[in-house]
Amino acid sequence: MKEIHELNLAEDVRYTQDHEWARLEGDTVVVGISDFAQDQLGEVVYVELPQVGDTFDKGEEFGSVESVKAVSELYMPVSGEVVAVNEELEGAPDLVNKEPYGAGWMIRVKPEDPAQMDSLLDKDAYLEHLKGLES
């Protein structure tokens, strides 16, 4: 596993304490899991995602990621409706490991309240959160 200083933490996303990331792109929010999360999980072998049209509240479980080590739930960083699902993950779940902030994205959400993004952690705050997990 990577040391904290080796992690790839994107600057252009916000993070949850549960290790999801959210990136505002136009009027949608793209959601995935952080480099820390995929590193902790190990090789991702299956991703269970919701259907387009499903709606969730912030903090609600929207799917799961299965690795050779464990199954982890995925939690919504913002409330909203799922408008797209990354279907590539069905045949290539390891994209989550290879490109957590790119091709490994999971869902696109039309947020109920885009201001909820402001309550998420920026890169520096997320890094501090990770350091707190070490001790």
N, C-alpha and C. Protein backbone atom coordinates (compact mmCIF):
# COMPACT_ATOMS: atom_id res chain seq x y z
N MET A 1 0.83 -1.19 0.00
CA MET A 1 0.00 0.00 0.00
C MET A 1 0.87 1.25 0.00
N LYS A 2 0.29 2.29 -0.58
CA LYS A 2 1.03 3.54 -0.71
C LYS A 2 1.11 4.27 0.63
N GLU A 3 2.20 5.01 0.78
CA GLU A 3 2.30 5.95 1.90
C GLU A 3 1.45 7.17 1.53
N ILE A 4 1.02 7.93 2.52
CA ILE A 4 0.15 9.08 2.26
C ILE A 4 0.79 10.05 1.26
N HIS A 5 2.09 10.28 1.37
CA HIS A 5 2.75 11.23 0.46
C HIS A 5 2.84 10.71 -0.98
N GLU A 6 2.59 9.41 -1.19
CA GLU A 6 2.64 8.82 -2.53
C GLU A 6 1.29 8.86 -3.25
N LEU A 7 0.24 9.20 -2.52
CA LEU A 7 -1.10 9.17 -3.10
C LEU A 7 -1.28 10.26 -4.15
N ASN A 8 -2.07 9.94 -5.16
CA ASN A 8 -2.46 10.90 -6.18
C ASN A 8 -3.78 11.51 -5.71
N LEU A 9 -3.72 12.75 -5.25
CA LEU A 9 -4.94 13.44 -4.82
C LEU A 9 -5.21 14.58 -5.79
N ALA A 10 -6.28 14.44 -6.56
CA ALA A 10 -6.62 15.44 -7.57
C ALA A 10 -6.96 16.77 -6.91
N GLU A 11 -6.54 17.85 -7.57
CA GLU A 11 -6.80 19.21 -7.07
C GLU A 11 -8.21 19.67 -7.42
N ASP A 12 -8.77 19.14 -8.51
CA ASP A 12 -10.02 19.69 -9.06
C ASP A 12 -11.26 18.94 -8.58
N VAL A 13 -11.14 18.21 -7.49
CA VAL A 13 -12.29 17.48 -6.95
C VAL A 13 -12.46 17.83 -5.47
N ARG A 14 -13.62 17.48 -4.93
CA ARG A 14 -13.87 17.56 -3.51
C ARG A 14 -14.01 16.13 -3.00
N TYR A 15 -13.72 15.91 -1.73
CA TYR A 15 -13.70 14.57 -1.16
C TYR A 15 -14.69 14.44 -0.01
N THR A 16 -15.15 13.20 0.21
CA THR A 16 -15.94 12.90 1.40
C THR A 16 -15.02 12.21 2.40
N GLN A 17 -15.45 12.13 3.65
CA GLN A 17 -14.66 11.41 4.64
C GLN A 17 -14.71 9.91 4.40
N ASP A 18 -15.66 9.47 3.55
CA ASP A 18 -15.76 8.05 3.19
C ASP A 18 -14.95 7.72 1.93
N HIS A 19 -14.20 8.70 1.42
CA HIS A 19 -13.23 8.51 0.33
C HIS A 19 -13.83 8.52 -1.08
N GLU A 20 -15.06 9.05 -1.22
CA GLU A 20 -15.54 9.33 -2.57
C GLU A 20 -15.02 10.71 -2.98
N TRP A 21 -14.94 10.93 -4.28
CA TRP A 21 -14.63 12.28 -4.77
C TRP A 21 -15.79 12.74 -5.66
N ALA A 22 -15.91 14.06 -5.79
CA ALA A 22 -16.96 14.67 -6.60
C ALA A 22 -16.36 15.85 -7.36
N ARG A 23 -16.64 15.89 -8.67
CA ARG A 23 -16.14 16.97 -9.53
C ARG A 23 -17.32 17.60 -10.25
N LEU A 24 -17.51 18.91 -10.07
CA LEU A 24 -18.57 19.63 -10.76
C LEU A 24 -18.15 19.86 -12.21
N GLU A 25 -18.95 19.34 -13.15
CA GLU A 25 -18.70 19.53 -14.58
C GLU A 25 -19.99 20.04 -15.20
N GLY A 26 -20.04 21.34 -15.47
CA GLY A 26 -21.27 21.93 -15.98
C GLY A 26 -22.35 21.85 -14.92
N ASP A 27 -23.49 21.24 -15.26
CA ASP A 27 -24.57 21.13 -14.28
C ASP A 27 -24.66 19.73 -13.68
N THR A 28 -23.61 18.92 -13.85
CA THR A 28 -23.59 17.60 -13.24
C THR A 28 -22.36 17.44 -12.34
N VAL A 29 -22.45 16.45 -11.46
CA VAL A 29 -21.34 16.11 -10.56
C VAL A 29 -20.90 14.70 -10.91
N VAL A 30 -19.61 14.55 -11.24
CA VAL A 30 -19.03 13.24 -11.52
C VAL A 30 -18.51 12.69 -10.20
N VAL A 31 -18.75 11.38 -9.94
CA VAL A 31 -18.40 10.77 -8.66
C VAL A 31 -17.55 9.53 -8.88
N GLY A 32 -16.55 9.35 -8.03
CA GLY A 32 -15.72 8.14 -8.04
C GLY A 32 -15.14 7.93 -6.65
N ILE A 33 -14.14 7.05 -6.55
CA ILE A 33 -13.46 6.87 -5.27
C ILE A 33 -12.02 7.36 -5.39
N SER A 34 -11.47 7.78 -4.27
CA SER A 34 -10.14 8.38 -4.26
C SER A 34 -9.04 7.34 -4.47
N ASP A 35 -7.87 7.84 -4.78
CA ASP A 35 -6.69 6.98 -4.93
C ASP A 35 -6.44 6.22 -3.62
N PHE A 36 -6.67 6.89 -2.49
CA PHE A 36 -6.51 6.22 -1.20
C PHE A 36 -7.44 5.02 -1.10
N ALA A 37 -8.72 5.22 -1.47
CA ALA A 37 -9.71 4.14 -1.36
C ALA A 37 -9.35 2.97 -2.25
N GLN A 38 -8.99 3.24 -3.51
CA GLN A 38 -8.68 2.12 -4.40
C GLN A 38 -7.41 1.41 -3.94
N ASP A 39 -6.47 2.16 -3.38
CA ASP A 39 -5.22 1.57 -2.88
C ASP A 39 -5.50 0.66 -1.68
N GLN A 40 -6.37 1.10 -0.79
CA GLN A 40 -6.73 0.29 0.38
C GLN A 40 -7.49 -0.97 -0.02
N LEU A 41 -8.34 -0.85 -1.03
CA LEU A 41 -9.13 -2.00 -1.47
C LEU A 41 -8.29 -3.06 -2.16
N GLY A 42 -7.27 -2.62 -2.90
CA GLY A 42 -6.53 -3.57 -3.73
C GLY A 42 -7.24 -3.73 -5.07
N GLU A 43 -6.98 -4.82 -5.74
CA GLU A 43 -7.50 -5.02 -7.09
C GLU A 43 -9.03 -5.08 -7.10
N VAL A 44 -9.64 -4.10 -7.77
CA VAL A 44 -11.10 -4.05 -7.88
C VAL A 44 -11.55 -5.06 -8.93
N VAL A 45 -12.50 -5.93 -8.53
CA VAL A 45 -12.97 -6.99 -9.44
C VAL A 45 -14.43 -6.81 -9.86
N TYR A 46 -15.17 -5.96 -9.16
CA TYR A 46 -16.57 -5.75 -9.51
C TYR A 46 -17.05 -4.44 -8.92
N VAL A 47 -17.85 -3.70 -9.69
CA VAL A 47 -18.45 -2.46 -9.21
C VAL A 47 -19.95 -2.55 -9.43
N GLU A 48 -20.71 -2.38 -8.36
CA GLU A 48 -22.18 -2.38 -8.44
C GLU A 48 -22.65 -0.93 -8.38
N LEU A 49 -23.33 -0.51 -9.45
CA LEU A 49 -23.76 0.88 -9.56
C LEU A 49 -25.27 0.95 -9.73
N PRO A 50 -25.85 2.13 -9.43
CA PRO A 50 -27.30 2.29 -9.55
C PRO A 50 -27.73 2.42 -11.02
N GLN A 51 -29.02 2.57 -11.23
CA GLN A 51 -29.58 2.79 -12.57
C GLN A 51 -29.71 4.29 -12.83
N VAL A 52 -29.61 4.66 -14.10
CA VAL A 52 -29.91 6.04 -14.47
C VAL A 52 -31.35 6.33 -14.06
N GLY A 53 -31.56 7.48 -13.45
CA GLY A 53 -32.90 7.86 -12.97
C GLY A 53 -33.08 7.64 -11.48
N ASP A 54 -32.21 6.83 -10.86
CA ASP A 54 -32.29 6.64 -9.41
C ASP A 54 -31.92 7.95 -8.72
N THR A 55 -32.56 8.23 -7.59
CA THR A 55 -32.23 9.42 -6.81
C THR A 55 -31.78 9.00 -5.42
N PHE A 56 -30.86 9.80 -4.89
CA PHE A 56 -30.28 9.51 -3.58
C PHE A 56 -30.08 10.80 -2.81
N ASP A 57 -30.12 10.69 -1.49
CA ASP A 57 -29.77 11.81 -0.63
C ASP A 57 -28.28 11.78 -0.34
N LYS A 58 -27.73 12.93 -0.01
CA LYS A 58 -26.32 13.00 0.38
C LYS A 58 -26.07 12.03 1.53
N GLY A 59 -25.00 11.24 1.40
CA GLY A 59 -24.63 10.28 2.44
C GLY A 59 -25.28 8.92 2.29
N GLU A 60 -26.26 8.81 1.38
CA GLU A 60 -26.95 7.54 1.18
C GLU A 60 -26.09 6.60 0.34
N GLU A 61 -26.20 5.31 0.61
CA GLU A 61 -25.44 4.31 -0.15
C GLU A 61 -26.00 4.22 -1.58
N PHE A 62 -25.10 4.27 -2.59
CA PHE A 62 -25.57 4.18 -3.97
C PHE A 62 -25.00 2.98 -4.72
N GLY A 63 -24.11 2.24 -4.11
CA GLY A 63 -23.53 1.08 -4.78
C GLY A 63 -22.43 0.49 -3.93
N SER A 64 -21.62 -0.38 -4.55
CA SER A 64 -20.51 -0.98 -3.82
C SER A 64 -19.38 -1.33 -4.77
N VAL A 65 -18.21 -1.47 -4.18
CA VAL A 65 -17.01 -1.87 -4.92
C VAL A 65 -16.50 -3.14 -4.27
N GLU A 66 -16.24 -4.15 -5.09
CA GLU A 66 -15.73 -5.42 -4.58
C GLU A 66 -14.29 -5.59 -5.06
N SER A 67 -13.42 -5.90 -4.13
CA SER A 67 -12.02 -6.16 -4.48
C SER A 67 -11.66 -7.57 -4.03
N VAL A 68 -10.42 -7.94 -4.29
CA VAL A 68 -9.98 -9.26 -3.83
C VAL A 68 -9.95 -9.32 -2.31
N LYS A 69 -9.92 -8.15 -1.64
CA LYS A 69 -9.85 -8.10 -0.19
C LYS A 69 -11.18 -7.94 0.50
N ALA A 70 -12.09 -7.12 -0.08
CA ALA A 70 -13.29 -6.72 0.66
C ALA A 70 -14.36 -6.16 -0.27
N VAL A 71 -15.54 -5.94 0.31
CA VAL A 71 -16.60 -5.21 -0.38
C VAL A 71 -16.81 -3.92 0.40
N SER A 72 -16.82 -2.79 -0.30
CA SER A 72 -17.03 -1.50 0.36
C SER A 72 -18.22 -0.79 -0.27
N GLU A 73 -19.03 -0.19 0.58
CA GLU A 73 -20.17 0.58 0.10
C GLU A 73 -19.70 1.91 -0.46
N LEU A 74 -20.50 2.45 -1.37
CA LEU A 74 -20.26 3.77 -1.95
C LEU A 74 -21.35 4.70 -1.45
N TYR A 75 -20.98 5.93 -1.07
CA TYR A 75 -21.93 6.87 -0.50
C TYR A 75 -21.98 8.15 -1.33
N MET A 76 -23.18 8.68 -1.50
CA MET A 76 -23.39 9.88 -2.30
C MET A 76 -22.74 11.11 -1.66
N PRO A 77 -21.91 11.83 -2.41
CA PRO A 77 -21.34 13.06 -1.88
C PRO A 77 -22.33 14.22 -1.89
N VAL A 78 -23.31 14.17 -2.79
CA VAL A 78 -24.36 15.20 -2.89
C VAL A 78 -25.69 14.52 -3.20
N SER A 79 -26.78 15.15 -2.83
CA SER A 79 -28.11 14.64 -3.18
C SER A 79 -28.38 14.90 -4.65
N GLY A 80 -29.07 13.94 -5.31
CA GLY A 80 -29.43 14.19 -6.69
C GLY A 80 -29.83 12.94 -7.43
N GLU A 81 -30.04 13.13 -8.73
CA GLU A 81 -30.48 12.05 -9.62
C GLU A 81 -29.32 11.56 -10.47
N VAL A 82 -29.17 10.25 -10.57
CA VAL A 82 -28.14 9.65 -11.41
C VAL A 82 -28.53 9.87 -12.88
N VAL A 83 -27.66 10.55 -13.64
CA VAL A 83 -27.95 10.82 -15.05
C VAL A 83 -27.06 10.00 -15.98
N ALA A 84 -26.00 9.39 -15.45
CA ALA A 84 -25.13 8.51 -16.25
C ALA A 84 -24.39 7.57 -15.32
N VAL A 85 -24.10 6.38 -15.84
CA VAL A 85 -23.36 5.36 -15.12
C VAL A 85 -22.21 4.93 -16.02
N ASN A 86 -21.02 4.75 -15.45
CA ASN A 86 -19.86 4.34 -16.25
C ASN A 86 -19.96 2.85 -16.56
N GLU A 87 -20.54 2.55 -17.72
CA GLU A 87 -20.76 1.15 -18.10
C GLU A 87 -19.46 0.42 -18.43
N GLU A 88 -18.38 1.17 -18.70
CA GLU A 88 -17.09 0.53 -18.97
C GLU A 88 -16.60 -0.28 -17.78
N LEU A 89 -17.02 0.10 -16.57
CA LEU A 89 -16.56 -0.59 -15.36
C LEU A 89 -17.08 -2.02 -15.29
N GLU A 90 -18.19 -2.29 -16.01
CA GLU A 90 -18.73 -3.65 -16.01
C GLU A 90 -17.72 -4.64 -16.55
N GLY A 91 -17.07 -4.28 -17.65
CA GLY A 91 -16.09 -5.17 -18.27
C GLY A 91 -14.66 -4.90 -17.83
N ALA A 92 -14.43 -3.74 -17.23
CA ALA A 92 -13.06 -3.36 -16.84
C ALA A 92 -13.08 -2.65 -15.48
N PRO A 93 -13.45 -3.37 -14.40
CA PRO A 93 -13.52 -2.73 -13.08
C PRO A 93 -12.17 -2.21 -12.60
N ASP A 94 -11.08 -2.74 -13.16
CA ASP A 94 -9.75 -2.30 -12.74
C ASP A 94 -9.44 -0.86 -13.17
N LEU A 95 -10.30 -0.25 -14.00
CA LEU A 95 -10.12 1.17 -14.32
C LEU A 95 -10.16 2.01 -13.05
N VAL A 96 -10.90 1.54 -12.04
CA VAL A 96 -10.96 2.23 -10.75
C VAL A 96 -9.56 2.29 -10.13
N ASN A 97 -8.78 1.22 -10.29
CA ASN A 97 -7.41 1.20 -9.77
C ASN A 97 -6.47 2.03 -10.63
N LYS A 98 -6.62 1.90 -11.94
CA LYS A 98 -5.67 2.53 -12.87
C LYS A 98 -5.88 4.04 -12.98
N GLU A 99 -7.13 4.48 -13.03
CA GLU A 99 -7.43 5.90 -13.24
C GLU A 99 -8.60 6.33 -12.35
N PRO A 100 -8.38 6.40 -11.03
CA PRO A 100 -9.50 6.69 -10.14
C PRO A 100 -10.19 8.03 -10.43
N TYR A 101 -9.46 9.02 -10.97
CA TYR A 101 -10.06 10.34 -11.23
C TYR A 101 -10.40 10.54 -12.71
N GLY A 102 -10.17 9.52 -13.52
CA GLY A 102 -10.42 9.64 -14.96
C GLY A 102 -11.40 8.57 -15.41
N ALA A 103 -10.88 7.58 -16.15
CA ALA A 103 -11.73 6.53 -16.73
C ALA A 103 -12.41 5.69 -15.66
N GLY A 104 -11.95 5.76 -14.40
CA GLY A 104 -12.55 4.99 -13.32
C GLY A 104 -13.71 5.67 -12.62
N TRP A 105 -14.21 6.78 -13.19
CA TRP A 105 -15.38 7.45 -12.58
C TRP A 105 -16.54 6.47 -12.52
N MET A 106 -17.50 6.73 -11.65
CA MET A 106 -18.60 5.77 -11.44
C MET A 106 -19.95 6.27 -11.92
N ILE A 107 -20.36 7.44 -11.43
CA ILE A 107 -21.67 7.96 -11.83
C ILE A 107 -21.59 9.47 -12.07
N ARG A 108 -22.58 9.96 -12.82
CA ARG A 108 -22.81 11.40 -12.97
C ARG A 108 -24.17 11.69 -12.35
N VAL A 109 -24.22 12.77 -11.59
CA VAL A 109 -25.41 13.11 -10.82
C VAL A 109 -25.84 14.53 -11.17
N LYS A 110 -27.14 14.72 -11.34
CA LYS A 110 -27.69 16.08 -11.42
C LYS A 110 -28.02 16.47 -9.99
N PRO A 111 -27.21 17.37 -9.39
CA PRO A 111 -27.39 17.67 -7.96
C PRO A 111 -28.66 18.46 -7.69
N GLU A 112 -29.32 18.12 -6.57
CA GLU A 112 -30.47 18.90 -6.12
C GLU A 112 -30.01 20.29 -5.70
N ASP A 113 -28.86 20.33 -5.03
CA ASP A 113 -28.34 21.60 -4.51
C ASP A 113 -26.82 21.62 -4.71
N PRO A 114 -26.35 22.24 -5.81
CA PRO A 114 -24.90 22.25 -6.08
C PRO A 114 -24.08 22.84 -4.92
N ALA A 115 -24.70 23.64 -4.06
CA ALA A 115 -23.97 24.23 -2.92
C ALA A 115 -23.50 23.16 -1.94
N GLN A 116 -24.07 21.93 -2.01
CA GLN A 116 -23.61 20.85 -1.14
C GLN A 116 -22.13 20.53 -1.40
N MET A 117 -21.66 20.86 -2.59
CA MET A 117 -20.23 20.64 -2.90
C MET A 117 -19.34 21.40 -1.93
N ASP A 118 -19.83 22.55 -1.46
CA ASP A 118 -19.03 23.39 -0.56
C ASP A 118 -18.76 22.72 0.78
N SER A 119 -19.58 21.73 1.15
CA SER A 119 -19.40 21.07 2.45
C SER A 119 -18.40 19.92 2.37
N LEU A 120 -17.96 19.59 1.16
CA LEU A 120 -16.99 18.50 0.99
C LEU A 120 -15.57 19.01 1.23
N LEU A 121 -14.65 18.08 1.43
CA LEU A 121 -13.27 18.42 1.75
C LEU A 121 -12.49 18.78 0.48
N ASP A 122 -11.65 19.83 0.57
CA ASP A 122 -10.72 20.07 -0.53
C ASP A 122 -9.51 19.16 -0.33
N LYS A 123 -8.57 19.22 -1.25
CA LYS A 123 -7.42 18.30 -1.21
C LYS A 123 -6.68 18.38 0.12
N ASP A 124 -6.42 19.59 0.60
CA ASP A 124 -5.65 19.76 1.84
C ASP A 124 -6.40 19.20 3.06
N ALA A 125 -7.70 19.47 3.12
CA ALA A 125 -8.50 18.98 4.24
C ALA A 125 -8.59 17.45 4.20
N TYR A 126 -8.71 16.89 2.99
CA TYR A 126 -8.77 15.44 2.85
C TYR A 126 -7.45 14.81 3.27
N LEU A 127 -6.35 15.44 2.90
CA LEU A 127 -5.02 14.96 3.30
C LEU A 127 -4.90 14.95 4.82
N GLU A 128 -5.38 15.99 5.48
CA GLU A 128 -5.38 16.03 6.95
C GLU A 128 -6.24 14.91 7.51
N HIS A 129 -7.38 14.66 6.89
CA HIS A 129 -8.27 13.57 7.32
C HIS A 129 -7.53 12.22 7.22
N LEU A 130 -6.82 12.00 6.13
CA LEU A 130 -6.07 10.76 5.94
C LEU A 130 -4.97 10.61 6.98
N LYS A 131 -4.28 11.70 7.28
CA LYS A 131 -3.23 11.66 8.29
C LYS A 131 -3.81 11.29 9.64
N GLY A 132 -5.02 11.73 9.91
CA GLY A 132 -5.69 11.38 11.18
C GLY A 132 -6.03 9.90 11.27
N LEU A 133 -6.21 9.26 10.12
CA LEU A 133 -6.53 7.84 10.12
C LEU A 133 -5.29 6.99 10.46
N GLU A 134 -4.11 7.54 10.19
CA GLU A 134 -2.86 6.80 10.44
C GLU A 134 -2.59 6.62 11.93
N SER A 135 -2.98 7.63 12.70
CA SER A 135 -2.59 7.60 14.11
C SER A 135 -3.50 6.76 14.96
